Protein backbone atom coordinates (compact mmCIF):
# COMPACT_ATOMS: atom_id res chain seq x y z
CA UNK A 1 -20.77 10.50 0.76
CA UNK A 2 -19.36 7.18 1.77
CA UNK A 3 -15.40 7.67 2.01
CA UNK A 4 -12.63 5.58 3.81
CA UNK A 5 -9.72 7.30 5.16
CA UNK A 6 -5.90 6.85 4.27
CA UNK A 7 -5.24 6.28 8.09
CA UNK A 8 -7.75 3.51 7.96
CA UNK A 9 -5.91 2.07 4.98
CA UNK A 10 -2.52 2.28 6.86
CA UNK A 11 -4.05 0.23 9.50
CA UNK A 12 -5.06 -2.61 7.10
CA UNK A 13 -1.59 -2.67 5.70
CA UNK A 14 0.51 -2.48 9.05
CA UNK A 15 -1.58 -5.99 9.62
CA UNK A 16 0.31 -7.53 6.78
CA UNK A 17 2.24 -10.78 8.01
CA UNK A 18 6.55 -10.44 7.73
CA UNK A 19 6.63 -6.67 7.89
CA UNK A 20 10.17 -5.38 9.35
CA UNK A 21 9.77 -3.47 12.28
CA UNK A 22 10.99 0.31 12.02
CA UNK A 23 12.46 2.14 15.24
CA UNK A 24 11.76 5.20 13.97
CA UNK A 25 8.04 4.99 13.45
CA UNK A 26 7.32 2.60 16.41
CA UNK A 27 5.96 -0.37 14.15
CA UNK A 28 5.84 -2.28 11.00
CA UNK A 29 7.33 -0.57 8.46
CA UNK A 30 4.73 1.06 6.36
CA UNK A 31 5.64 4.23 4.60
CA UNK A 32 2.88 6.70 3.30
CA UNK A 33 5.13 8.91 0.51
CA UNK A 34 8.42 8.65 2.11
CA UNK A 35 10.60 11.34 1.31
CA UNK A 36 14.12 10.15 -0.18
CA UNK A 37 16.13 11.11 3.01
CA UNK A 38 14.07 8.45 4.83
CA UNK A 39 16.07 4.99 5.78
CA UNK A 40 13.54 2.44 5.11
CA UNK A 41 13.62 -1.13 7.04
CA UNK A 42 13.03 -4.50 4.72
CA UNK A 43 10.60 -6.24 3.86
CA UNK A 44 8.31 -3.00 3.87
CA UNK A 45 5.07 -1.70 1.97
CA UNK A 46 5.66 1.75 0.71
CA UNK A 47 2.07 3.25 -0.57
CA UNK A 48 0.80 6.64 -2.53
CA UNK A 49 -2.35 8.24 -3.90
CA UNK A 50 -2.32 7.34 -7.50
CA UNK A 51 -5.78 8.87 -8.36
CA UNK A 52 -9.29 8.94 -7.18
CA UNK A 53 -12.77 7.63 -8.46
CA UNK A 54 -16.14 9.03 -7.32
CA UNK A 55 -19.70 7.86 -8.04
CA UNK A 56 -22.65 10.19 -8.04
CA UNK A 57 -26.38 9.65 -7.78
CA UNK A 58 -28.97 12.21 -8.25
CA UNK A 59 -26.09 14.56 -9.33
CA UNK A 60 -24.64 14.32 -5.92
CA UNK A 61 -21.36 12.49 -4.57
CA UNK A 62 -22.23 9.16 -3.36
CA UNK A 63 -18.76 7.05 -3.29
CA UNK A 64 -15.31 8.77 -3.51
CA UNK A 65 -12.23 6.28 -3.26
CA UNK A 66 -9.06 7.13 -3.56
CA UNK A 67 -6.63 4.84 -5.51
CA UNK A 68 -3.19 3.83 -3.89
CA UNK A 69 -0.04 2.53 -5.60
CA UNK A 70 0.87 -0.31 -2.86
CA UNK A 71 4.72 -1.49 -3.41
CA UNK A 72 6.01 -4.31 -1.21
CA UNK A 73 9.50 -4.33 -1.21
CA UNK A 74 11.31 -7.47 -0.03
CA UNK A 75 14.57 -9.31 -0.51
CA UNK A 76 12.80 -12.75 -0.39
CA UNK A 77 11.11 -13.69 -4.26
CA UNK A 78 8.67 -15.82 -2.06
CA UNK A 79 7.46 -13.41 0.49
CA UNK A 80 3.77 -13.80 1.90
CA UNK A 81 3.32 -10.13 2.05
CA UNK A 82 2.59 -9.77 -1.40
CA UNK A 83 -0.21 -12.34 -0.74
CA UNK A 84 -1.53 -10.53 1.76
CA UNK A 85 -1.72 -7.30 -0.10
CA UNK A 86 -3.50 -8.95 -2.93
CA UNK A 87 -6.13 -10.26 -1.29
CA UNK A 88 -7.17 -6.34 0.13
CA UNK A 89 -10.43 -5.87 -1.72
CA UNK A 90 -10.19 -4.04 -5.22
CA UNK A 91 -6.42 -4.91 -5.17
CA UNK A 92 -5.17 -5.19 -8.95
CA UNK A 93 -1.76 -6.42 -9.87
CA UNK A 94 0.33 -3.98 -11.39
CA UNK A 95 3.75 -5.18 -11.99
CA UNK A 96 6.66 -6.80 -10.71
CA UNK A 97 10.37 -5.59 -10.77
CA UNK A 98 13.86 -6.22 -9.01
CA UNK A 99 16.12 -3.20 -8.21
CA UNK A 100 19.37 -3.17 -5.92
CA UNK A 101 18.47 -6.76 -5.19
CA UNK A 102 15.08 -6.14 -3.89
CA UNK A 103 11.80 -7.57 -5.10
CA UNK A 104 8.99 -5.04 -5.92
CA UNK A 105 5.20 -6.17 -6.50
CA UNK A 106 3.29 -3.30 -7.10
CA UNK A 107 -0.39 -3.44 -6.65
CA UNK A 108 -3.40 -0.34 -7.61
CA UNK A 109 -5.81 -0.25 -4.53
CA UNK A 110 -9.08 1.96 -4.39
CA UNK A 111 -10.09 2.41 -0.72
């Protein structure tokens, strides 16, 4: 069965240009399902598991992919980070909104 890991997906996200460094995680500000107590550094990417999809062949699982909701949070409305995320294979734009003077661009990505 073909399946990619969340850690592989995380490595794709940390390569986005322009992310803030978070000294607590020791690298780019990419957060997986952060609890409300986490102090995020902006610009950042927040992602969570949002569903899954499987394909079967001969009644056996053949491909299994998780769906992630990926949110780019950036004070800059012209940030290049959403462009990077948009170009990930299977990325689909979901919505855009602003909250607390931060721009949120949300994508759905199967990985």
